[in-house]
Amino acid sequence: MKRVFIFILFFSAFVLSAQDNASFKTVYDDVDDVTTITHKNMEYNMGMYNLRDNILGERENVRLYIRNNVLVLAAIYQYSSWAFVEKLTFLNDNGARCVVKIGKHDREVLSGSAVREYLYTALTESETAALKEVLSGSNPVVVYSGTKARSEKLKIKPKVSSAMLETIEYFKNMGE
């Protein structure tokens, strides 16, 4: 009976850990020698998960992933003119705030009618803690700010907020 109990205990622990990791996908790129871990709700498949898509064609996408043990914030901003995004500001109704300055930019003109900016930056420990606080509060939003334009406060959908929080927690547990 004792062996059965121990077996059930270990099997339960295995199933629980597998369920936790089932939310994440790990991909190794042998050409660039990088490993990327992405939450299933944060995967980027050449489409965009829009926070908003209004008549003006403004589109935003924000997500987190882990690349070679670094937590990366990736964002896409698309609008009919250049915004030259420099920072993202995350806010919530509880007064929490997180400002992330953007590191790398890639830009492309889409059919002459819109511009898409790809933004990437590694998050510091303090940015990660501030972002977690914002996402844990009520009604988190993000604002894209650039030298020529600034977006409205864009609501982060619960599915995205939850996936970002899970990614932060997964990243934190990797270091332990």
Protein backbone atom coordinates (compact mmCIF):
# COMPACT_ATOMS: atom_id res chain seq x y z
CA MET A 1 0.00 0.00 0.00
CA LYS A 2 2.88 2.35 0.82
CA ARG A 3 4.38 1.85 -2.68
CA VAL A 4 1.04 2.61 -4.32
CA PHE A 5 0.75 5.82 -2.32
CA ILE A 6 4.31 6.88 -3.26
CA PHE A 7 3.64 6.06 -6.92
CA ILE A 8 0.43 8.14 -6.89
CA LEU A 9 2.27 11.02 -5.20
CA PHE A 10 5.07 11.06 -7.80
CA PHE A 11 2.66 10.56 -10.70
CA SER A 12 0.50 13.46 -9.46
CA ALA A 13 3.56 15.72 -9.18
CA PHE A 14 4.60 14.76 -12.72
CA VAL A 15 1.13 15.46 -14.14
CA LEU A 16 0.94 18.84 -12.40
CA SER A 17 4.36 19.90 -13.65
CA ALA A 18 3.51 18.73 -17.18
CA GLN A 19 0.29 20.75 -17.12
CA ASP A 20 2.22 23.87 -16.06
CA ASN A 21 4.71 23.43 -18.92
CA ALA A 22 1.91 22.60 -21.39
CA SER A 23 1.09 26.31 -21.50
CA PHE A 24 4.55 26.98 -22.94
CA LYS A 25 6.25 26.01 -26.16
CA THR A 26 10.04 25.68 -26.34
CA VAL A 27 11.74 25.99 -29.71
CA TYR A 28 15.47 25.62 -30.37
CA ASP A 29 16.89 27.32 -33.48
CA ASP A 30 20.12 25.49 -34.30
CA VAL A 31 21.13 28.05 -36.95
CA ASP A 32 21.11 31.03 -34.56
CA ASP A 33 21.75 28.82 -31.50
CA VAL A 34 18.87 30.31 -29.52
CA THR A 35 16.13 28.76 -27.44
CA THR A 36 12.81 30.58 -27.26
CA ILE A 37 10.05 29.83 -24.75
CA THR A 38 6.65 31.28 -25.57
CA HIS A 39 3.27 31.02 -23.84
CA LYS A 40 0.67 29.43 -26.13
CA ASN A 41 -1.37 32.65 -25.99
CA MET A 42 1.65 34.76 -26.92
CA GLU A 43 2.78 32.90 -30.04
CA TYR A 44 3.32 35.04 -33.10
CA ASN A 45 2.27 33.36 -36.33
CA MET A 46 2.69 36.16 -38.88
CA GLY A 47 -0.68 37.50 -37.81
CA MET A 48 -1.33 40.03 -35.12
CA TYR A 49 -3.29 39.68 -31.93
CA ASN A 50 -4.83 43.14 -31.91
CA LEU A 51 -5.51 45.11 -28.79
CA ARG A 52 -7.56 47.40 -31.01
CA ASP A 53 -8.36 47.61 -34.70
CA ASN A 54 -10.32 50.75 -35.41
CA ILE A 55 -11.50 52.37 -38.63
CA LEU A 56 -8.20 54.26 -38.93
CA GLY A 57 -6.33 50.98 -39.17
CA GLU A 58 -4.32 51.44 -35.98
CA ARG A 59 -3.15 48.05 -34.71
CA GLU A 60 -1.14 47.13 -31.66
CA ASN A 61 0.29 43.89 -30.33
CA VAL A 62 2.31 43.34 -27.17
CA ARG A 63 3.72 40.10 -25.81
CA LEU A 64 6.49 38.50 -23.74
CA TYR A 65 8.78 35.59 -24.46
CA ILE A 66 11.97 34.13 -23.04
CA ARG A 67 14.99 33.89 -25.31
CA ASN A 68 18.20 32.33 -23.99
CA ASN A 69 17.19 33.03 -20.38
CA VAL A 70 16.30 36.68 -21.05
CA LEU A 71 12.74 38.02 -20.70
CA VAL A 72 11.90 39.94 -23.88
CA LEU A 73 9.07 42.39 -24.47
CA ALA A 74 8.04 42.43 -28.12
CA ALA A 75 5.54 44.85 -29.58
CA ILE A 76 4.18 45.70 -32.98
CA TYR A 77 2.62 49.04 -33.83
CA GLN A 78 0.89 49.68 -37.13
CA TYR A 79 -0.59 52.99 -38.22
CA SER A 80 -1.07 55.09 -41.32
CA SER A 81 1.97 57.26 -40.49
CA TRP A 82 5.29 56.88 -38.70
CA ALA A 83 5.06 56.98 -34.93
CA PHE A 84 8.75 56.27 -34.21
CA VAL A 85 7.81 54.45 -31.00
CA GLU A 86 10.36 54.99 -28.23
CA LYS A 87 8.60 53.62 -25.17
CA LEU A 88 5.61 51.68 -23.93
CA THR A 89 3.79 52.82 -20.81
CA PHE A 90 1.70 50.25 -18.95
CA LEU A 91 -0.91 51.53 -16.46
CA ASN A 92 -3.81 50.15 -14.43
CA ASP A 93 -6.74 51.49 -12.39
CA ASN A 94 -4.81 50.88 -9.16
CA GLY A 95 -2.19 53.53 -10.04
CA ALA A 96 0.59 51.10 -10.97
CA ARG A 97 2.87 52.22 -13.79
CA CYS A 98 5.65 50.65 -15.85
CA VAL A 99 7.61 52.53 -18.52
CA VAL A 100 9.73 50.44 -20.89
CA LYS A 101 12.12 52.12 -23.30
CA ILE A 102 12.44 50.24 -26.56
CA GLY A 103 15.77 48.80 -27.59
CA LYS A 104 15.59 47.48 -31.17
CA HIS A 105 13.35 48.70 -34.00
CA ASP A 106 12.47 47.27 -37.39
CA ARG A 107 10.09 49.17 -39.66
CA GLU A 108 8.30 48.40 -42.88
CA VAL A 109 5.90 50.27 -45.15
CA LEU A 110 2.80 48.25 -46.03
CA SER A 111 1.42 48.97 -49.50
CA GLY A 112 2.07 52.69 -49.04
CA SER A 113 -0.96 52.99 -46.75
CA ALA A 114 0.45 52.00 -43.38
CA VAL A 115 3.66 51.63 -41.45
CA ARG A 116 4.42 48.72 -39.12
CA GLU A 117 7.04 49.07 -36.40
CA TYR A 118 8.52 45.97 -34.72
CA LEU A 119 9.88 46.73 -31.25
CA TYR A 120 12.00 44.51 -28.99
CA THR A 121 13.71 45.02 -25.66
CA ALA A 122 15.08 42.88 -22.85
CA LEU A 123 13.32 43.66 -19.57
CA THR A 124 15.31 44.55 -16.48
CA GLU A 125 14.43 43.08 -13.11
CA SER A 126 12.78 46.36 -12.01
CA GLU A 127 10.79 46.65 -15.27
CA THR A 128 9.64 43.05 -14.86
CA ALA A 129 8.47 43.71 -11.28
CA ALA A 130 6.65 46.91 -12.32
CA LEU A 131 5.02 45.19 -15.31
CA LYS A 132 3.86 42.33 -13.07
CA GLU A 133 2.28 44.86 -10.70
CA VAL A 134 0.43 46.59 -13.57
CA LEU A 135 -0.81 43.32 -15.07
CA SER A 136 -1.96 42.06 -11.65
CA GLY A 137 -4.15 45.13 -11.12
CA SER A 138 -7.50 45.96 -12.62
CA ASN A 139 -7.91 47.09 -16.24
CA PRO A 140 -4.30 47.14 -17.45
CA VAL A 141 -3.63 49.31 -20.51
CA VAL A 142 -0.66 50.14 -22.71
CA VAL A 143 0.26 53.38 -24.49
CA TYR A 144 2.72 53.47 -27.41
CA SER A 145 4.66 56.75 -27.33
CA GLY A 146 6.93 58.03 -30.07
CA THR A 147 8.55 61.20 -31.30
CA LYS A 148 5.67 61.94 -33.69
CA ALA A 149 2.62 60.28 -32.17
CA ARG A 150 1.13 58.53 -29.16
CA SER A 151 -1.63 55.95 -29.11
CA GLU A 152 -4.68 56.09 -26.88
CA LYS A 153 -4.79 53.94 -23.76
CA LEU A 154 -5.26 50.48 -25.23
CA LYS A 155 -6.83 47.82 -23.04
CA ILE A 156 -4.78 44.66 -22.64
CA LYS A 157 -7.18 41.76 -23.02
CA PRO A 158 -7.46 39.36 -20.04
CA LYS A 159 -6.10 36.45 -22.13
CA VAL A 160 -2.97 38.46 -22.97
CA SER A 161 -2.54 39.83 -19.45
CA SER A 162 -2.84 36.35 -17.97
CA ALA A 163 -0.33 34.88 -20.44
CA MET A 164 2.13 37.70 -19.72
CA LEU A 165 1.83 37.10 -15.96
CA GLU A 166 2.37 33.36 -16.47
CA THR A 167 5.45 34.12 -18.60
CA ILE A 168 6.89 36.37 -15.89
CA GLU A 169 6.29 33.65 -13.29
CA TYR A 170 7.83 30.97 -15.54
CA PHE A 171 10.87 33.19 -16.11
CA LYS A 172 11.21 33.86 -12.37
CA ASN A 173 11.05 30.10 -11.61
CA MET A 174 13.77 29.38 -14.21
CA GLY A 175 16.26 31.34 -12.11
CA GLU A 176 15.52 29.40 -8.93
